[in-house]
Amino acid sequence: MQLFLRAVGLASVAALAQAGRVQHPGLTVPSSVDTDRDSVVKIFKSSYETYRCAKDISYVLFNLFSSLRWVVVVENLPSVMTR
């Protein structure tokens, strides 16, 4: 029942919403759109490649340090526990 009431409430609020113009009237695309588009694509690809490499490096380092941490923990165990 509560789910139904929530759905009716959301539908009521949605009915109050009004659609309107988002952009300012009279906006046009500049003539340099092709050059700008190519520049934006290059920037995106370069940035994404850098992000991907950094992510891969951080993953490798995380795994390396995680395994080193376990080696240190195991080496510090009392001799009674390692027998």
PDB file of N, CA and C in Angstrom:
ATOM      1  N   MET A   1       0.821  -1.189   0.000  1.00  0.00           N
ATOM      2  CA  MET A   1       0.000   0.000   0.000  1.00  0.00           C
ATOM      3  C   MET A   1       0.865   1.251   0.000  1.00  0.00           C
ATOM      4  N   GLN A   2       1.945   1.221   0.816  1.00  0.00           N
ATOM      5  CA  GLN A   2       2.817   2.399   0.865  1.00  0.00           C
ATOM      6  C   GLN A   2       3.482   2.636  -0.482  1.00  0.00           C
ATOM      7  N   LEU A   3       3.850   1.573  -1.159  1.00  0.00           N
ATOM      8  CA  LEU A   3       4.462   1.712  -2.467  1.00  0.00           C
ATOM      9  C   LEU A   3       3.497   2.380  -3.443  1.00  0.00           C
ATOM     10  N   PHE A   4       2.226   1.982  -3.371  1.00  0.00           N
ATOM     11  CA  PHE A   4       1.215   2.582  -4.235  1.00  0.00           C
ATOM     12  C   PHE A   4       1.067   4.064  -3.937  1.00  0.00           C
ATOM     13  N   LEU A   5       1.026   4.422  -2.662  1.00  0.00           N
ATOM     14  CA  LEU A   5       0.881   5.833  -2.288  1.00  0.00           C
ATOM     15  C   LEU A   5       2.087   6.652  -2.737  1.00  0.00           C
ATOM     16  N   ARG A   6       3.269   6.067  -2.633  1.00  0.00           N
ATOM     17  CA  ARG A   6       4.461   6.773  -3.108  1.00  0.00           C
ATOM     18  C   ARG A   6       4.403   6.984  -4.616  1.00  0.00           C
ATOM     19  N   ALA A   7       3.969   5.958  -5.330  1.00  0.00           N
ATOM     20  CA  ALA A   7       3.864   6.071  -6.784  1.00  0.00           C
ATOM     21  C   ALA A   7       2.864   7.148  -7.176  1.00  0.00           C
ATOM     22  N   VAL A   8       1.743   7.204  -6.480  1.00  0.00           N
ATOM     23  CA  VAL A   8       0.730   8.234  -6.756  1.00  0.00           C
ATOM     24  C   VAL A   8       1.295   9.614  -6.420  1.00  0.00           C
ATOM     25  N   GLY A   9       2.036   9.703  -5.329  1.00  0.00           N
ATOM     26  CA  GLY A   9       2.643  10.977  -4.952  1.00  0.00           C
ATOM     27  C   GLY A   9       3.650  11.443  -5.984  1.00  0.00           C
ATOM     28  N   LEU A  10       4.488  10.533  -6.460  1.00  0.00           N
ATOM     29  CA  LEU A  10       5.458  10.896  -7.492  1.00  0.00           C
ATOM     30  C   LEU A  10       4.779  11.297  -8.793  1.00  0.00           C
ATOM     31  N   ALA A  11       3.720  10.592  -9.142  1.00  0.00           N
ATOM     32  CA  ALA A  11       2.984  10.938 -10.355  1.00  0.00           C
ATOM     33  C   ALA A  11       2.363  12.322 -10.224  1.00  0.00           C
ATOM     34  N   SER A  12       1.883  12.662  -9.028  1.00  0.00           N
ATOM     35  CA  SER A  12       1.294  13.979  -8.810  1.00  0.00           C
ATOM     36  C   SER A  12       2.340  15.075  -8.947  1.00  0.00           C
ATOM     37  N   VAL A  13       3.518  14.841  -8.386  1.00  0.00           N
ATOM     38  CA  VAL A  13       4.596  15.828  -8.491  1.00  0.00           C
ATOM     39  C   VAL A  13       5.049  15.947  -9.938  1.00  0.00           C
ATOM     40  N   ALA A  14       5.136  14.829 -10.649  1.00  0.00           N
ATOM     41  CA  ALA A  14       5.546  14.857 -12.046  1.00  0.00           C
ATOM     42  C   ALA A  14       4.548  15.624 -12.896  1.00  0.00           C
ATOM     43  N   ALA A  15       3.281  15.559 -12.540  1.00  0.00           N
ATOM     44  CA  ALA A  15       2.261  16.280 -13.290  1.00  0.00           C
ATOM     45  C   ALA A  15       2.419  17.787 -13.118  1.00  0.00           C
ATOM     46  N   LEU A  16       3.002  18.217 -12.011  1.00  0.00           N
ATOM     47  CA  LEU A  16       3.196  19.644 -11.772  1.00  0.00           C
ATOM     48  C   LEU A  16       4.400  20.202 -12.540  1.00  0.00           C
ATOM     49  N   ALA A  17       5.302  19.331 -12.966  1.00  0.00           N
ATOM     50  CA  ALA A  17       6.492  19.790 -13.686  1.00  0.00           C
ATOM     51  C   ALA A  17       6.093  20.324 -15.050  1.00  0.00           C
ATOM     52  N   GLN A  18       6.803  21.353 -15.460  1.00  0.00           N
ATOM     53  CA  GLN A  18       6.499  21.950 -16.760  1.00  0.00           C
ATOM     54  C   GLN A  18       7.731  21.884 -17.648  1.00  0.00           C
ATOM     55  N   ALA A  19       7.502  21.595 -18.901  1.00  0.00           N
ATOM     56  CA  ALA A  19       8.606  21.587 -19.862  1.00  0.00           C
ATOM     57  C   ALA A  19       8.841  23.008 -20.324  1.00  0.00           C
ATOM     58  N   GLY A  20      10.075  23.317 -20.594  1.00  0.00           N
ATOM     59  CA  GLY A  20      10.395  24.659 -21.072  1.00  0.00           C
ATOM     60  C   GLY A  20      11.666  24.641 -21.894  1.00  0.00           C
ATOM     61  N   ARG A  21      11.976  25.779 -22.452  1.00  0.00           N
ATOM     62  CA  ARG A  21      13.176  25.920 -23.270  1.00  0.00           C
ATOM     63  C   ARG A  21      14.411  25.846 -22.381  1.00  0.00           C
ATOM     64  N   VAL A  22      15.393  25.080 -22.823  1.00  0.00           N
ATOM     65  CA  VAL A  22      16.620  24.923 -22.066  1.00  0.00           C
ATOM     66  C   VAL A  22      17.688  25.870 -22.604  1.00  0.00           C
ATOM     67  N   GLN A  23      17.811  25.953 -23.921  1.00  0.00           N
ATOM     68  CA  GLN A  23      18.815  26.809 -24.534  1.00  0.00           C
ATOM     69  C   GLN A  23      18.272  28.204 -24.802  1.00  0.00           C
ATOM     70  N   HIS A  24      19.190  29.131 -24.823  1.00  0.00           N
ATOM     71  CA  HIS A  24      18.835  30.507 -25.175  1.00  0.00           C
ATOM     72  C   HIS A  24      18.475  30.534 -26.653  1.00  0.00           C
ATOM     73  N   PRO A  25      17.401  31.209 -27.043  1.00  0.00           N
ATOM     74  CA  PRO A  25      17.029  31.245 -28.456  1.00  0.00           C
ATOM     75  C   PRO A  25      18.098  31.963 -29.293  1.00  0.00           C
ATOM     76  N   GLY A  26      18.326  31.485 -30.492  1.00  0.00           N
ATOM     77  CA  GLY A  26      19.248  32.144 -31.408  1.00  0.00           C
ATOM     78  C   GLY A  26      20.677  31.649 -31.323  1.00  0.00           C
ATOM     79  N   LEU A  27      20.944  30.621 -30.510  1.00  0.00           N
ATOM     80  CA  LEU A  27      22.304  30.086 -30.441  1.00  0.00           C
ATOM     81  C   LEU A  27      22.643  29.368 -31.748  1.00  0.00           C
ATOM     82  N   THR A  28      23.877  29.535 -32.193  1.00  0.00           N
ATOM     83  CA  THR A  28      24.315  28.865 -33.417  1.00  0.00           C
ATOM     84  C   THR A  28      25.638  28.162 -33.152  1.00  0.00           C
ATOM     85  N   VAL A  29      25.938  27.199 -33.988  1.00  0.00           N
ATOM     86  CA  VAL A  29      27.189  26.471 -33.890  1.00  0.00           C
ATOM     87  C   VAL A  29      28.253  27.282 -34.628  1.00  0.00           C
ATOM     88  N   PRO A  30      29.431  27.500 -34.007  1.00  0.00           N
ATOM     89  CA  PRO A  30      30.463  28.285 -34.686  1.00  0.00           C
ATOM     90  C   PRO A  30      31.012  27.557 -35.913  1.00  0.00           C
ATOM     91  N   SER A  31      31.603  28.307 -36.813  1.00  0.00           N
ATOM     92  CA  SER A  31      32.131  27.711 -38.049  1.00  0.00           C
ATOM     93  C   SER A  31      33.349  26.825 -37.776  1.00  0.00           C
ATOM     94  N   SER A  32      33.986  27.004 -36.641  1.00  0.00           N
ATOM     95  CA  SER A  32      35.173  26.207 -36.305  1.00  0.00           C
ATOM     96  C   SER A  32      34.808  24.899 -35.608  1.00  0.00           C
ATOM     97  N   VAL A  33      33.584  24.455 -35.757  1.00  0.00           N
ATOM     98  CA  VAL A  33      33.113  23.285 -35.029  1.00  0.00           C
ATOM     99  C   VAL A  33      33.936  22.033 -35.356  1.00  0.00           C
ATOM    100  N   ASP A  34      34.339  21.859 -36.612  1.00  0.00           N
ATOM    101  CA  ASP A  34      35.114  20.662 -36.975  1.00  0.00           C
ATOM    102  C   ASP A  34      36.484  20.662 -36.311  1.00  0.00           C
ATOM    103  N   THR A  35      37.162  21.801 -36.327  1.00  0.00           N
ATOM    104  CA  THR A  35      38.476  21.908 -35.690  1.00  0.00           C
ATOM    105  C   THR A  35      38.352  21.730 -34.189  1.00  0.00           C
ATOM    106  N   ASP A  36      37.374  22.376 -33.591  1.00  0.00           N
ATOM    107  CA  ASP A  36      37.175  22.263 -32.146  1.00  0.00           C
ATOM    108  C   ASP A  36      36.832  20.835 -31.748  1.00  0.00           C
ATOM    109  N   ARG A  37      36.005  20.186 -32.541  1.00  0.00           N
ATOM    110  CA  ARG A  37      35.620  18.802 -32.244  1.00  0.00           C
ATOM    111  C   ARG A  37      36.845  17.892 -32.251  1.00  0.00           C
ATOM    112  N   ASP A  38      37.690  18.051 -33.263  1.00  0.00           N
ATOM    113  CA  ASP A  38      38.898  17.231 -33.338  1.00  0.00           C
ATOM    114  C   ASP A  38      39.812  17.481 -32.138  1.00  0.00           C
ATOM    115  N   SER A  39      39.925  18.742 -31.727  1.00  0.00           N
ATOM    116  CA  SER A  39      40.754  19.068 -30.559  1.00  0.00           C
ATOM    117  C   SER A  39      40.193  18.429 -29.297  1.00  0.00           C
ATOM    118  N   VAL A  40      38.899  18.484 -29.135  1.00  0.00           N
ATOM    119  CA  VAL A  40      38.260  17.904 -27.950  1.00  0.00           C
ATOM    120  C   VAL A  40      38.450  16.390 -27.936  1.00  0.00           C
ATOM    121  N   VAL A  41      38.325  15.753 -29.081  1.00  0.00           N
ATOM    122  CA  VAL A  41      38.520  14.299 -29.160  1.00  0.00           C
ATOM    123  C   VAL A  41      39.962  13.945 -28.791  1.00  0.00           C
ATOM    124  N   LYS A  42      40.926  14.720 -29.296  1.00  0.00           N
ATOM    125  CA  LYS A  42      42.336  14.463 -28.969  1.00  0.00           C
ATOM    126  C   LYS A  42      42.588  14.624 -27.467  1.00  0.00           C
ATOM    127  N   ILE A  43      42.039  15.685 -26.880  1.00  0.00           N
ATOM    128  CA  ILE A  43      42.212  15.929 -25.446  1.00  0.00           C
ATOM    129  C   ILE A  43      41.593  14.790 -24.642  1.00  0.00           C
ATOM    130  N   PHE A  44      40.388  14.365 -25.026  1.00  0.00           N
ATOM    131  CA  PHE A  44      39.719  13.278 -24.308  1.00  0.00           C
ATOM    132  C   PHE A  44      40.530  11.991 -24.385  1.00  0.00           C
ATOM    133  N   LYS A  45      40.977  11.642 -25.596  1.00  0.00           N
ATOM    134  CA  LYS A  45      41.733  10.393 -25.756  1.00  0.00           C
ATOM    135  C   LYS A  45      43.030  10.433 -24.967  1.00  0.00           C
ATOM    136  N   SER A  46      43.723  11.564 -25.003  1.00  0.00           N
ATOM    137  CA  SER A  46      44.976  11.703 -24.275  1.00  0.00           C
ATOM    138  C   SER A  46      44.742  11.598 -22.765  1.00  0.00           C
ATOM    139  N   SER A  47      43.728  12.286 -22.278  1.00  0.00           N
ATOM    140  CA  SER A  47      43.417  12.255 -20.848  1.00  0.00           C
ATOM    141  C   SER A  47      42.999  10.864 -20.407  1.00  0.00           C
ATOM    142  N   TYR A  48      42.189  10.204 -21.218  1.00  0.00           N
ATOM    143  CA  TYR A  48      41.729   8.867 -20.850  1.00  0.00           C
ATOM    144  C   TYR A  48      42.886   7.879 -20.844  1.00  0.00           C
ATOM    145  N   GLU A  49      43.776   7.995 -21.822  1.00  0.00           N
ATOM    146  CA  GLU A  49      44.935   7.095 -21.874  1.00  0.00           C
ATOM    147  C   GLU A  49      45.816   7.284 -20.639  1.00  0.00           C
ATOM    148  N   THR A  50      46.013   8.539 -20.228  1.00  0.00           N
ATOM    149  CA  THR A  50      46.789   8.827 -19.026  1.00  0.00           C
ATOM    150  C   THR A  50      46.111   8.235 -17.795  1.00  0.00           C
ATOM    151  N   TYR A  51      44.796   8.406 -17.697  1.00  0.00           N
ATOM    152  CA  TYR A  51      44.030   7.853 -16.573  1.00  0.00           C
ATOM    153  C   TYR A  51      44.165   6.336 -16.542  1.00  0.00           C
ATOM    154  N   ARG A  52      44.023   5.702 -17.717  1.00  0.00           N
ATOM    155  CA  ARG A  52      44.085   4.248 -17.778  1.00  0.00           C
ATOM    156  C   ARG A  52      45.461   3.728 -17.357  1.00  0.00           C
ATOM    157  N   CYS A  53      46.509   4.392 -17.802  1.00  0.00           N
ATOM    158  CA  CYS A  53      47.864   3.973 -17.419  1.00  0.00           C
ATOM    159  C   CYS A  53      48.069   4.147 -15.918  1.00  0.00           C
ATOM    160  N   ALA A  54      47.616   5.283 -15.380  1.00  0.00           N
ATOM    161  CA  ALA A  54      47.764   5.528 -13.937  1.00  0.00           C
ATOM    162  C   ALA A  54      46.976   4.489 -13.140  1.00  0.00           C
ATOM    163  N   LYS A  55      45.805   4.139 -13.629  1.00  0.00           N
ATOM    164  CA  LYS A  55      44.987   3.126 -12.950  1.00  0.00           C
ATOM    165  C   LYS A  55      45.699   1.777 -12.964  1.00  0.00           C
ATOM    166  N   ASP A  56      46.275   1.409 -14.114  1.00  0.00           N
ATOM    167  CA  ASP A  56      46.998   0.137 -14.208  1.00  0.00           C
ATOM    168  C   ASP A  56      48.204   0.126 -13.275  1.00  0.00           C
ATOM    169  N   ILE A  57      48.946   1.228 -13.234  1.00  0.00           N
ATOM    170  CA  ILE A  57      50.127   1.319 -12.358  1.00  0.00           C
ATOM    171  C   ILE A  57      49.712   1.230 -10.899  1.00  0.00           C
ATOM    172  N   SER A  58      48.655   1.939 -10.525  1.00  0.00           N
ATOM    173  CA  SER A  58      48.216   1.897  -9.131  1.00  0.00           C
ATOM    174  C   SER A  58      47.736   0.498  -8.754  1.00  0.00           C
ATOM    175  N   TYR A  59      47.112  -0.211  -9.688  1.00  0.00           N
ATOM    176  CA  TYR A  59      46.671  -1.586  -9.427  1.00  0.00           C
ATOM    177  C   TYR A  59      47.872  -2.494  -9.167  1.00  0.00           C
ATOM    178  N   VAL A  60      48.907  -2.357  -9.998  1.00  0.00           N
ATOM    179  CA  VAL A  60      50.112  -3.171  -9.830  1.00  0.00           C
ATOM    180  C   VAL A  60      50.786  -2.847  -8.497  1.00  0.00           C
ATOM    181  N   LEU A  61      50.921  -1.560  -8.191  1.00  0.00           N
ATOM    182  CA  LEU A  61      51.555  -1.161  -6.932  1.00  0.00           C
ATOM    183  C   LEU A  61      50.756  -1.637  -5.726  1.00  0.00           C
ATOM    184  N   PHE A  62      49.437  -1.545  -5.811  1.00  0.00           N
ATOM    185  CA  PHE A  62      48.592  -2.009  -4.714  1.00  0.00           C
ATOM    186  C   PHE A  62      48.813  -3.502  -4.471  1.00  0.00           C
ATOM    187  N   ASN A  63      48.827  -4.273  -5.545  1.00  0.00           N
ATOM    188  CA  ASN A  63      49.046  -5.718  -5.399  1.00  0.00           C
ATOM    189  C   ASN A  63      50.442  -6.016  -4.875  1.00  0.00           C
ATOM    190  N   LEU A  64      51.422  -5.267  -5.335  1.00  0.00           N
ATOM    191  CA  LEU A  64      52.788  -5.471  -4.870  1.00  0.00           C
ATOM    192  C   LEU A  64      52.893  -5.192  -3.376  1.00  0.00           C
ATOM    193  N   PHE A  65      52.376  -4.043  -2.946  1.00  0.00           N
ATOM    194  CA  PHE A  65      52.475  -3.692  -1.532  1.00  0.00           C
ATOM    195  C   PHE A  65      51.593  -4.575  -0.661  1.00  0.00           C
ATOM    196  N   SER A  66      50.487  -5.036  -1.202  1.00  0.00           N
ATOM    197  CA  SER A  66      49.642  -5.955  -0.429  1.00  0.00           C
ATOM    198  C   SER A  66      50.380  -7.257  -0.158  1.00  0.00           C
ATOM    199  N   SER A  67      51.081  -7.759  -1.169  1.00  0.00           N
ATOM    200  CA  SER A  67      51.813  -9.020  -0.966  1.00  0.00           C
ATOM    201  C   SER A  67      53.002  -8.801  -0.050  1.00  0.00           C
ATOM    202  N   LEU A  68      53.660  -7.644  -0.125  1.00  0.00           N
ATOM    203  CA  LEU A  68      54.774  -7.360   0.771  1.00  0.00           C
ATOM    204  C   LEU A  68      54.299  -7.268   2.213  1.00  0.00           C
ATOM    205  N   ARG A  69      53.150  -6.699   2.404  1.00  0.00           N
ATOM    206  CA  ARG A  69      52.605  -6.566   3.751  1.00  0.00           C
ATOM    207  C   ARG A  69      52.399  -7.946   4.363  1.00  0.00           C
ATOM    208  N   TRP A  70      51.892  -8.880   3.580  1.00  0.00           N
ATOM    209  CA  TRP A  70      51.660 -10.218   4.110  1.00  0.00           C
ATOM    210  C   TRP A  70      52.960 -10.937   4.412  1.00  0.00           C
ATOM    211  N   VAL A  71      53.981 -10.702   3.622  1.00  0.00           N
ATOM    212  CA  VAL A  71      55.285 -11.317   3.888  1.00  0.00           C
ATOM    213  C   VAL A  71      55.825 -10.810   5.213  1.00  0.00           C
ATOM    214  N   VAL A  72      55.707  -9.526   5.462  1.00  0.00           N
ATOM    215  CA  VAL A  72      56.194  -8.944   6.717  1.00  0.00           C
ATOM    216  C   VAL A  72      55.418  -9.518   7.895  1.00  0.00           C
ATOM    217  N   VAL A  73      54.106  -9.649   7.748  1.00  0.00           N
ATOM    218  CA  VAL A  73      53.289 -10.187   8.836  1.00  0.00           C
ATOM    219  C   VAL A  73      53.688 -11.622   9.131  1.00  0.00           C
ATOM    220  N   VAL A  74      53.887 -12.427   8.115  1.00  0.00           N
ATOM    221  CA  VAL A  74      54.245 -13.826   8.323  1.00  0.00           C
ATOM    222  C   VAL A  74      55.627 -13.931   8.944  1.00  0.00           C
ATOM    223  N   GLU A  75      56.566 -13.100   8.535  1.00  0.00           N
ATOM    224  CA  GLU A  75      57.911 -13.166   9.089  1.00  0.00           C
ATOM    225  C   GLU A  75      57.950 -12.746  10.545  1.00  0.00           C
ATOM    226  N   ASN A  76      57.012 -11.959  10.989  1.00  0.00           N
ATOM    227  CA  ASN A  76      57.002 -11.479  12.381  1.00  0.00           C
ATOM    228  C   ASN A  76      56.228 -12.397  13.329  1.00  0.00           C
ATOM    229  N   LEU A  77      55.734 -13.515  12.838  1.00  0.00           N
ATOM    230  CA  LEU A  77      55.025 -14.436  13.714  1.00  0.00           C
ATOM    231  C   LEU A  77      55.995 -15.070  14.706  1.00  0.00           C
ATOM    232  N   PRO A  78      55.537 -15.358  15.917  1.00  0.00           N
ATOM    233  CA  PRO A  78      56.408 -16.046  16.878  1.00  0.00           C
ATOM    234  C   PRO A  78      56.793 -17.419  16.330  1.00  0.00           C
ATOM    235  N   SER A  79      57.948 -17.905  16.728  1.00  0.00           N
ATOM    236  CA  SER A  79      58.465 -19.181  16.198  1.00  0.00           C
ATOM    237  C   SER A  79      57.544 -20.350  16.543  1.00  0.00           C
ATOM    238  N   VAL A  80      56.820 -20.273  17.622  1.00  0.00           N
ATOM    239  CA  VAL A  80      55.897 -21.349  18.008  1.00  0.00           C
ATOM    240  C   VAL A  80      54.814 -21.511  16.954  1.00  0.00           C
ATOM    241  N   MET A  81      54.367 -20.398  16.379  1.00  0.00           N
ATOM    242  CA  MET A  81      53.270 -20.450  15.411  1.00  0.00           C
ATOM    243  C   MET A  81      53.740 -20.887  14.031  1.00  0.00           C
ATOM    244  N   THR A  82      55.005 -20.773  13.731  1.00  0.00           N
ATOM    245  CA  THR A  82      55.473 -21.106  12.383  1.00  0.00           C
ATOM    246  C   THR A  82      55.942 -22.549  12.264  1.00  0.00           C
ATOM    247  N   ARG A  83      55.964 -23.288  13.335  1.00  0.00           N
ATOM    248  CA  ARG A  83      56.420 -24.681  13.281  1.00  0.00           C
ATOM    249  C   ARG A  83      55.358 -25.599  12.791  1.00  0.00           C
TER     250      ARG A  83
END
